Amino acid sequence: MQYFAIGDEDAVLGFSLAGVRGRVARNALEASGAFQEALSREDTGIIIMTERVAEMIRREVDSYVFSERFPLLVEVPDRSGKLEGRPGTRELVNAAIGIKL
């Protein structure tokens, strides 16, 4: 099982340093193409997508999340921080494990 990162240049570069392949997405067309590439790879188990890129193709992302179980799609903040109204990493972890960190 492999990871696949989709985001801005900094996010994709950062994940590549940890051995995660990915694609940079600067607009909705690139984001959609990268998302379809990640889904078409049989070895992709987890797709990591920055929140801002996910917002570019929100309908496509939501349609996938609410209809498929695998691969897992995880939205993460980019270097600019989390989007307004979205929970941060700490809040997500707290909710998942039921313990405040």
Protein backbone atom coordinates (compact mmCIF):
# COMPACT_ATOMS: atom_id res chain seq x y z
CA MET A 1 0.00 0.00 0.00
CA GLN A 2 1.38 3.38 -1.03
CA TYR A 3 0.62 6.99 -0.16
CA PHE A 4 -0.07 9.64 -2.81
CA ALA A 5 0.14 13.36 -2.00
CA ILE A 6 -1.70 16.13 -3.87
CA GLY A 7 -1.10 19.77 -3.01
CA ASP A 8 1.04 22.82 -3.55
CA GLU A 9 4.76 22.59 -4.33
CA ASP A 10 5.82 22.73 -0.67
CA ALA A 11 3.42 19.98 0.45
CA VAL A 12 4.35 17.60 -2.36
CA LEU A 13 8.06 18.28 -1.85
CA GLY A 14 7.74 17.70 1.89
CA PHE A 15 5.97 14.39 1.44
CA SER A 16 8.45 13.34 -1.25
CA LEU A 17 11.25 13.70 1.30
CA ALA A 18 9.48 10.95 3.26
CA GLY A 19 9.23 8.77 0.15
CA VAL A 20 5.64 9.66 -0.77
CA ARG A 21 4.98 10.22 -4.46
CA GLY A 22 2.56 12.91 -5.51
CA ARG A 23 1.58 15.68 -7.88
CA VAL A 24 1.43 19.42 -7.59
CA ALA A 25 -1.97 20.98 -8.28
CA ARG A 26 -2.17 24.72 -9.02
CA ASN A 27 -5.74 24.78 -10.35
CA ALA A 28 -8.89 22.65 -10.48
CA LEU A 29 -7.89 20.89 -13.71
CA GLU A 30 -4.53 19.81 -12.27
CA ALA A 31 -6.19 18.83 -8.98
CA SER A 32 -8.76 16.67 -10.74
CA GLY A 33 -6.10 15.02 -12.90
CA ALA A 34 -3.92 14.26 -9.89
CA PHE A 35 -6.91 12.88 -7.97
CA GLN A 36 -7.85 10.61 -10.88
CA GLU A 37 -4.23 9.45 -11.18
CA ALA A 38 -4.13 8.58 -7.48
CA LEU A 39 -7.39 6.66 -7.75
CA SER A 40 -6.26 4.78 -10.86
CA ARG A 41 -3.13 3.38 -9.20
CA GLU A 42 -3.86 -0.04 -7.76
CA ASP A 43 -1.24 0.35 -5.03
CA THR A 44 -2.60 3.64 -3.63
CA GLY A 45 -3.93 3.08 -0.13
CA ILE A 46 -4.01 6.61 1.25
CA ILE A 47 -4.41 9.89 -0.63
CA ILE A 48 -3.14 12.94 1.23
CA MET A 49 -4.60 16.16 -0.18
CA THR A 50 -4.20 19.68 1.11
CA GLU A 51 -7.44 21.39 2.12
CA ARG A 52 -7.03 24.20 -0.41
CA VAL A 53 -6.58 21.76 -3.28
CA ALA A 54 -9.55 19.70 -2.06
CA GLU A 55 -11.66 22.89 -2.11
CA MET A 56 -10.80 23.34 -5.80
CA ILE A 57 -12.58 20.05 -6.58
CA ARG A 58 -14.91 19.84 -3.56
CA ARG A 59 -17.78 18.15 -5.43
CA GLU A 60 -15.47 15.46 -6.80
CA VAL A 61 -13.85 14.89 -3.39
CA ASP A 62 -17.16 14.72 -1.52
CA SER A 63 -18.67 12.41 -4.12
CA TYR A 64 -15.74 10.05 -3.66
CA VAL A 65 -15.63 10.25 0.15
CA PHE A 66 -19.34 9.52 0.53
CA SER A 67 -19.40 6.60 -1.93
CA GLU A 68 -16.07 4.78 -1.64
CA ARG A 69 -14.22 3.12 1.21
CA PHE A 70 -10.76 2.68 -0.27
CA PRO A 71 -8.30 4.30 -0.75
CA LEU A 72 -8.62 6.52 2.28
CA LEU A 73 -8.64 10.27 1.56
CA VAL A 74 -7.09 12.54 4.19
CA GLU A 75 -7.26 16.33 3.93
CA VAL A 76 -4.44 18.21 5.65
CA PRO A 77 -3.68 21.91 6.08
CA ASP A 78 -0.98 23.37 3.86
CA ARG A 79 1.82 25.70 4.96
CA SER A 80 -0.65 28.60 5.15
CA GLY A 81 -2.56 26.84 7.92
CA LYS A 82 -6.01 25.36 8.14
CA LEU A 83 -8.98 26.80 6.31
CA GLU A 84 -11.44 28.81 8.36
CA GLY A 85 -14.17 26.62 9.79
CA ARG A 86 -12.17 23.40 9.38
CA PRO A 87 -10.86 21.50 12.40
CA GLY A 88 -7.11 21.47 12.89
CA THR A 89 -4.98 18.37 13.29
CA ARG A 90 -5.13 18.55 17.08
CA GLU A 91 -8.94 18.70 17.07
CA LEU A 92 -9.16 15.76 14.67
CA VAL A 93 -6.85 13.65 16.83
CA ASN A 94 -8.75 14.60 19.98
CA ALA A 95 -12.04 13.59 18.37
CA ALA A 96 -10.61 10.33 17.03
CA ILE A 97 -9.11 9.10 20.29
CA GLY A 98 -11.40 10.86 22.74
CA ILE A 99 -8.55 12.40 24.73
CA LYS A 100 -7.45 16.02 24.73
CA LEU A 101 -3.77 16.39 23.93
